[in-house]
Amino acid sequence: MPLLSTRKQEKKVKLTFANGLLFVEKEDGKQQAFPLEWFPKLLNATDEERADWSQTDKGIRFNQLDTDVSL
């Protein structure tokens, strides 16, 4: 009997910060921009804090900052 498993494919996104914006580029090449003013913790964060993120089912989680960005 075959063993079946269902795994969600991990979606990959690319994050960049420039000119007071957070850019999120999805796998399909589509890009969203978010003003950092909306996320004061990100606005004042160090590069190290911004680099510590993970993708969730609903968006991006900045672990050290306890901040979520919904996609």
N, C-alpha and C. Protein backbone atom coordinates (compact mmCIF):
# COMPACT_ATOMS: atom_id res chain seq x y z
N MET A 1 0.85 -1.17 0.00
CA MET A 1 0.00 0.00 0.00
C MET A 1 0.90 1.23 0.00
N PRO A 2 0.65 2.19 -0.92
CA PRO A 2 1.50 3.38 -0.99
C PRO A 2 1.26 4.32 0.18
N LEU A 3 2.32 4.93 0.58
CA LEU A 3 2.25 5.90 1.66
C LEU A 3 2.13 7.29 1.04
N LEU A 4 1.08 7.98 1.39
CA LEU A 4 0.85 9.31 0.84
C LEU A 4 1.09 10.35 1.92
N SER A 5 1.69 11.41 1.54
CA SER A 5 1.86 12.51 2.48
C SER A 5 1.56 13.81 1.76
N THR A 6 0.98 14.71 2.49
CA THR A 6 0.70 16.02 1.91
C THR A 6 1.56 17.03 2.65
N ARG A 7 2.39 17.69 1.92
CA ARG A 7 3.23 18.73 2.48
C ARG A 7 2.94 20.03 1.74
N LYS A 8 2.79 21.07 2.50
CA LYS A 8 2.64 22.36 1.86
C LYS A 8 4.00 22.74 1.30
N GLN A 9 3.97 23.24 0.07
CA GLN A 9 5.22 23.71 -0.49
C GLN A 9 5.59 25.02 0.18
N GLU A 10 6.83 25.12 0.54
CA GLU A 10 7.30 26.34 1.18
C GLU A 10 7.40 27.42 0.12
N LYS A 11 6.73 28.51 0.37
CA LYS A 11 6.77 29.62 -0.56
C LYS A 11 7.98 30.47 -0.24
N LYS A 12 8.64 30.90 -1.26
CA LYS A 12 9.82 31.72 -1.07
C LYS A 12 9.50 33.15 -1.49
N VAL A 13 9.93 34.08 -0.67
CA VAL A 13 9.80 35.49 -1.00
C VAL A 13 11.15 36.14 -0.77
N LYS A 14 11.33 37.29 -1.40
CA LYS A 14 12.56 38.06 -1.23
C LYS A 14 12.18 39.40 -0.62
N LEU A 15 12.88 39.78 0.44
CA LEU A 15 12.62 41.06 1.10
C LEU A 15 13.78 42.01 0.85
N THR A 16 13.45 43.27 0.57
CA THR A 16 14.45 44.32 0.49
C THR A 16 13.88 45.58 1.13
N PHE A 17 14.78 46.38 1.65
CA PHE A 17 14.42 47.64 2.27
C PHE A 17 15.11 48.76 1.50
N ALA A 18 14.33 49.78 1.09
CA ALA A 18 14.92 50.92 0.39
C ALA A 18 13.98 52.12 0.46
N ASN A 19 14.54 53.29 0.65
CA ASN A 19 13.79 54.54 0.61
C ASN A 19 12.57 54.55 1.53
N GLY A 20 12.72 53.99 2.72
CA GLY A 20 11.62 53.98 3.67
C GLY A 20 10.51 52.99 3.35
N LEU A 21 10.82 52.01 2.50
CA LEU A 21 9.82 51.01 2.11
C LEU A 21 10.35 49.60 2.33
N LEU A 22 9.43 48.69 2.57
CA LEU A 22 9.72 47.26 2.59
C LEU A 22 9.15 46.70 1.29
N PHE A 23 10.01 46.08 0.48
CA PHE A 23 9.56 45.45 -0.76
C PHE A 23 9.55 43.95 -0.56
N VAL A 24 8.43 43.33 -0.94
CA VAL A 24 8.29 41.88 -0.86
C VAL A 24 8.06 41.38 -2.27
N GLU A 25 8.99 40.56 -2.76
CA GLU A 25 8.85 39.97 -4.09
C GLU A 25 8.48 38.51 -3.93
N LYS A 26 7.35 38.14 -4.52
CA LYS A 26 6.86 36.76 -4.43
C LYS A 26 7.49 35.90 -5.51
N GLU A 27 7.26 34.60 -5.41
CA GLU A 27 7.82 33.63 -6.37
C GLU A 27 7.46 33.95 -7.81
N ASP A 28 6.25 34.45 -8.02
CA ASP A 28 5.79 34.72 -9.38
C ASP A 28 6.31 36.05 -9.92
N GLY A 29 7.15 36.74 -9.15
CA GLY A 29 7.74 37.99 -9.60
C GLY A 29 6.95 39.23 -9.21
N LYS A 30 5.74 39.03 -8.70
CA LYS A 30 4.94 40.18 -8.27
C LYS A 30 5.56 40.79 -7.02
N GLN A 31 5.49 42.11 -6.95
CA GLN A 31 6.12 42.82 -5.85
C GLN A 31 5.10 43.70 -5.13
N GLN A 32 5.20 43.72 -3.81
CA GLN A 32 4.38 44.60 -2.98
C GLN A 32 5.33 45.51 -2.22
N ALA A 33 4.89 46.74 -1.99
CA ALA A 33 5.69 47.69 -1.21
C ALA A 33 4.86 48.15 -0.02
N PHE A 34 5.52 48.22 1.13
CA PHE A 34 4.87 48.66 2.37
C PHE A 34 5.69 49.79 2.97
N PRO A 35 5.07 50.93 3.25
CA PRO A 35 5.80 52.01 3.93
C PRO A 35 6.22 51.56 5.33
N LEU A 36 7.45 51.81 5.68
CA LEU A 36 7.93 51.43 7.01
C LEU A 36 7.25 52.24 8.10
N GLU A 37 6.64 53.35 7.75
CA GLU A 37 5.87 54.14 8.71
C GLU A 37 4.74 53.31 9.32
N TRP A 38 4.25 52.34 8.58
CA TRP A 38 3.17 51.47 9.07
C TRP A 38 3.67 50.52 10.15
N PHE A 39 4.98 50.30 10.18
CA PHE A 39 5.59 49.34 11.10
C PHE A 39 6.74 50.02 11.83
N PRO A 40 6.44 50.81 12.86
CA PRO A 40 7.49 51.58 13.56
C PRO A 40 8.65 50.72 14.05
N LYS A 41 8.39 49.49 14.45
CA LYS A 41 9.48 48.64 14.91
C LYS A 41 10.45 48.33 13.77
N LEU A 42 9.92 48.12 12.56
CA LEU A 42 10.77 47.88 11.39
C LEU A 42 11.51 49.14 10.99
N LEU A 43 10.85 50.27 11.09
CA LEU A 43 11.44 51.54 10.71
C LEU A 43 12.70 51.82 11.53
N ASN A 44 12.65 51.50 12.82
CA ASN A 44 13.76 51.78 13.73
C ASN A 44 14.67 50.58 13.98
N ALA A 45 14.46 49.50 13.25
CA ALA A 45 15.19 48.26 13.49
C ALA A 45 16.60 48.30 12.88
N THR A 46 17.46 47.47 13.44
CA THR A 46 18.80 47.29 12.88
C THR A 46 18.71 46.33 11.70
N ASP A 47 19.78 46.28 10.90
CA ASP A 47 19.82 45.34 9.78
C ASP A 47 19.71 43.90 10.28
N GLU A 48 20.33 43.62 11.41
CA GLU A 48 20.27 42.27 11.99
C GLU A 48 18.84 41.90 12.37
N GLU A 49 18.10 42.82 12.98
CA GLU A 49 16.71 42.55 13.37
C GLU A 49 15.83 42.37 12.13
N ARG A 50 16.08 43.15 11.10
CA ARG A 50 15.30 43.02 9.86
C ARG A 50 15.60 41.72 9.13
N ALA A 51 16.81 41.22 9.28
CA ALA A 51 17.21 39.99 8.59
C ALA A 51 16.65 38.73 9.26
N ASP A 52 16.20 38.83 10.49
CA ASP A 52 15.68 37.67 11.23
C ASP A 52 14.17 37.57 11.02
N TRP A 53 13.78 36.97 9.87
CA TRP A 53 12.37 36.85 9.56
C TRP A 53 12.09 35.44 9.05
N SER A 54 10.82 35.08 9.09
CA SER A 54 10.38 33.81 8.54
C SER A 54 9.04 34.02 7.86
N GLN A 55 8.77 33.17 6.90
CA GLN A 55 7.49 33.25 6.20
C GLN A 55 6.46 32.40 6.91
N THR A 56 5.27 32.95 7.08
CA THR A 56 4.17 32.23 7.70
C THR A 56 3.08 31.99 6.66
N ASP A 57 2.01 31.34 7.07
CA ASP A 57 0.89 31.10 6.16
C ASP A 57 0.25 32.40 5.70
N LYS A 58 0.33 33.42 6.54
CA LYS A 58 -0.36 34.68 6.24
C LYS A 58 0.56 35.82 5.83
N GLY A 59 1.87 35.63 5.95
CA GLY A 59 2.76 36.71 5.59
C GLY A 59 4.18 36.51 6.08
N ILE A 60 4.74 37.59 6.63
CA ILE A 60 6.12 37.60 7.10
C ILE A 60 6.14 37.90 8.59
N ARG A 61 6.97 37.16 9.31
CA ARG A 61 7.12 37.35 10.76
C ARG A 61 8.56 37.78 11.03
N PHE A 62 8.72 38.97 11.62
CA PHE A 62 10.03 39.44 12.05
C PHE A 62 10.19 39.00 13.50
N ASN A 63 10.99 37.97 13.69
CA ASN A 63 11.07 37.26 14.96
C ASN A 63 11.54 38.13 16.13
N GLN A 64 12.66 38.81 15.97
CA GLN A 64 13.20 39.61 17.08
C GLN A 64 12.32 40.81 17.40
N LEU A 65 11.57 41.27 16.41
CA LEU A 65 10.77 42.49 16.59
C LEU A 65 9.33 42.19 17.01
N ASP A 66 8.93 40.92 16.99
CA ASP A 66 7.55 40.54 17.32
C ASP A 66 6.56 41.32 16.44
N THR A 67 6.86 41.32 15.14
CA THR A 67 6.06 42.09 14.18
C THR A 67 5.70 41.20 12.99
N ASP A 68 4.45 41.31 12.53
CA ASP A 68 3.97 40.55 11.38
C ASP A 68 3.54 41.49 10.27
N VAL A 69 3.82 41.08 9.03
CA VAL A 69 3.35 41.80 7.85
C VAL A 69 2.50 40.83 7.06
N SER A 70 1.22 41.14 6.87
CA SER A 70 0.31 40.27 6.14
C SER A 70 0.48 40.47 4.65
N LEU A 71 0.47 39.36 3.92
CA LEU A 71 0.58 39.42 2.46
C LEU A 71 -0.73 39.00 1.82
